[in-house]
Amino acid sequence: MGRSAFALVLALALAVCVASVERKCLLAGSWQSNTGSRMVVFTLDKDNRFSGFYLPGPAAGDSELLTSPLDGSQQDTGLAPQPTFSFTVNWRLRDSETAQTTVFLGQCYVDTNGEETLHALWLLREAADSPAEDWKATR
């Protein structure tokens, strides 16, 4: 009985180790921010690049933002199970000639329950009319 109990504990320990190793952040799918914006990422290609679209949420108010394309890349999850990523959104604006681009840079985390969470910082760049106006074009 002692040996079989030890073998069972060892087997369970190995299963837990394998399960935790298999937990990886894959950006493909649908994500929602804490402000209600939504990002849909299509399958990553062999070089860990992806595309998709970004939908502004209620926090954007009555903005002119439309569903906009995004392109990005993610670290190889074989090298980093909680990979860093970056993506760019080239905003489509309703009835506007203004060009805006946002870059996001972050990391995907997996908690002990297997829940994936993205943490990111962003910079928004608007087109400036001249180099003198450049200082106020990035937020």
Protein backbone atom coordinates (compact mmCIF):
# COMPACT_ATOMS: atom_id res chain seq x y z
CA MET A 1 0.00 0.00 0.00
CA GLY A 2 2.86 2.38 0.82
CA ARG A 3 4.48 2.03 -2.61
CA SER A 4 1.24 2.44 -4.55
CA ALA A 5 0.32 5.54 -2.53
CA PHE A 6 3.78 7.00 -3.25
CA ALA A 7 3.39 6.19 -6.97
CA LEU A 8 -0.04 7.85 -7.03
CA VAL A 9 1.31 11.01 -5.34
CA LEU A 10 4.25 11.08 -7.76
CA ALA A 11 1.92 10.62 -10.75
CA LEU A 12 -0.32 13.47 -9.52
CA ALA A 13 2.71 15.70 -8.98
CA LEU A 14 3.91 15.00 -12.52
CA ALA A 15 0.43 15.70 -13.92
CA VAL A 16 0.35 19.06 -12.09
CA CYS A 17 3.82 19.94 -13.43
CA VAL A 18 2.81 19.04 -16.99
CA ALA A 19 -0.44 21.01 -16.71
CA SER A 20 1.37 24.13 -15.47
CA VAL A 21 3.93 23.88 -18.26
CA GLU A 22 1.17 23.63 -20.86
CA ARG A 23 -0.45 26.87 -19.68
CA LYS A 24 0.54 29.42 -22.28
CA CYS A 25 -0.76 32.79 -23.30
CA LEU A 26 -2.00 32.69 -26.85
CA LEU A 27 -3.34 36.04 -27.99
CA ALA A 28 -5.60 34.53 -30.64
CA GLY A 29 -9.22 35.11 -29.67
CA SER A 30 -11.35 37.89 -28.22
CA TRP A 31 -10.23 40.14 -25.36
CA GLN A 32 -12.13 42.83 -23.47
CA SER A 33 -10.54 45.72 -21.57
CA ASN A 34 -11.70 47.09 -18.23
CA THR A 35 -13.17 50.05 -20.18
CA GLY A 36 -15.26 47.82 -22.44
CA SER A 37 -13.11 48.03 -25.57
CA ARG A 38 -12.72 44.76 -27.40
CA MET A 39 -9.83 43.32 -29.38
CA VAL A 40 -10.15 40.35 -31.70
CA VAL A 41 -6.90 38.64 -32.68
CA PHE A 42 -6.74 36.12 -35.50
CA THR A 43 -4.45 33.09 -35.36
CA LEU A 44 -0.74 33.75 -34.86
CA ASP A 45 1.41 32.79 -37.84
CA LYS A 46 4.61 30.74 -37.65
CA ASP A 47 6.60 33.90 -36.84
CA ASN A 48 4.22 34.80 -33.94
CA ARG A 49 2.75 37.72 -35.88
CA PHE A 50 -0.97 38.42 -35.79
CA SER A 51 -3.65 40.73 -37.10
CA GLY A 52 -7.18 41.51 -36.08
CA PHE A 53 -9.33 44.47 -35.16
CA TYR A 54 -10.03 46.74 -32.22
CA LEU A 55 -13.51 47.93 -31.27
CA PRO A 56 -13.77 51.01 -29.03
CA GLY A 57 -15.93 50.53 -25.95
CA PRO A 58 -18.40 52.72 -24.08
CA ALA A 59 -15.55 54.65 -22.42
CA ALA A 60 -14.80 56.20 -25.83
CA GLY A 61 -18.15 58.02 -25.50
CA ASP A 62 -19.75 59.36 -28.65
CA SER A 63 -16.41 59.29 -30.36
CA GLU A 64 -15.78 59.05 -34.06
CA LEU A 65 -13.74 55.86 -33.61
CA LEU A 66 -14.77 52.92 -35.78
CA THR A 67 -13.68 49.30 -35.66
CA SER A 68 -10.04 49.56 -36.68
CA PRO A 69 -7.38 47.13 -37.93
CA LEU A 70 -4.49 46.00 -35.75
CA ASP A 71 -1.20 44.23 -36.45
CA GLY A 72 1.32 42.90 -33.96
CA SER A 73 3.63 40.21 -32.71
CA GLN A 74 4.09 38.08 -29.62
CA GLN A 75 7.10 36.33 -28.11
CA ASP A 76 7.36 32.63 -28.82
CA THR A 77 5.44 30.87 -26.01
CA GLY A 78 7.98 28.04 -26.21
CA LEU A 79 10.59 30.50 -24.95
CA ALA A 80 8.37 32.54 -22.63
CA PRO A 81 5.12 30.97 -21.35
CA GLN A 82 3.98 34.45 -20.23
CA PRO A 83 5.09 36.32 -23.36
CA THR A 84 5.44 39.99 -24.14
CA PHE A 85 3.58 41.40 -27.13
CA SER A 86 3.09 44.57 -29.12
CA PHE A 87 0.53 45.74 -31.62
CA THR A 88 -0.43 48.85 -33.54
CA VAL A 89 -3.95 50.12 -34.19
CA ASN A 90 -4.42 52.49 -37.12
CA TRP A 91 -7.67 54.15 -36.12
CA ARG A 92 -10.48 54.56 -38.58
CA LEU A 93 -12.44 57.72 -37.79
CA ARG A 94 -15.94 58.56 -38.96
CA ASP A 95 -16.04 61.69 -41.16
CA SER A 96 -12.52 62.77 -40.30
CA GLU A 97 -9.27 63.40 -42.12
CA THR A 98 -7.29 63.12 -38.87
CA ALA A 99 -4.79 60.26 -38.73
CA GLN A 100 -4.32 58.52 -35.37
CA THR A 101 -2.23 55.50 -34.46
CA THR A 102 -1.87 53.78 -31.09
CA VAL A 103 0.89 51.36 -30.14
CA PHE A 104 0.35 48.90 -27.31
CA LEU A 105 3.16 47.10 -25.48
CA GLY A 106 2.52 44.54 -22.79
CA GLN A 107 2.69 41.06 -21.39
CA CYS A 108 0.26 38.16 -21.11
CA TYR A 109 0.02 36.48 -17.69
CA VAL A 110 -1.49 33.13 -16.75
CA ASP A 111 -2.67 32.72 -13.15
CA THR A 112 -2.82 29.45 -11.19
CA ASN A 113 -6.37 28.81 -12.50
CA GLY A 114 -5.20 29.11 -16.12
CA GLU A 115 -6.88 32.51 -16.57
CA GLU A 116 -5.06 34.69 -19.11
CA THR A 117 -4.75 38.44 -18.49
CA LEU A 118 -3.13 41.10 -20.66
CA HIS A 119 -1.33 44.08 -19.07
CA ALA A 120 -0.35 46.83 -21.50
CA LEU A 121 0.74 50.43 -21.87
CA TRP A 122 -0.13 52.52 -24.89
CA LEU A 123 0.87 55.67 -26.76
CA LEU A 124 -1.50 57.53 -29.06
CA ARG A 125 -0.06 59.58 -31.91
CA GLU A 126 -2.09 62.06 -33.92
CA ALA A 127 -0.84 63.61 -37.13
CA ALA A 128 0.68 67.06 -36.56
CA ASP A 129 0.37 69.90 -39.08
CA SER A 130 4.01 70.92 -38.70
CA PRO A 131 7.18 70.20 -36.69
CA ALA A 132 6.24 73.12 -34.43
CA GLU A 133 3.04 71.24 -33.49
CA ASP A 134 4.86 67.95 -32.91
CA TRP A 135 5.06 68.38 -29.12
CA LYS A 136 1.32 67.96 -28.63
CA ALA A 137 0.76 65.07 -31.05
CA THR A 138 1.63 62.17 -28.68
CA ARG A 139 -0.35 61.18 -25.59
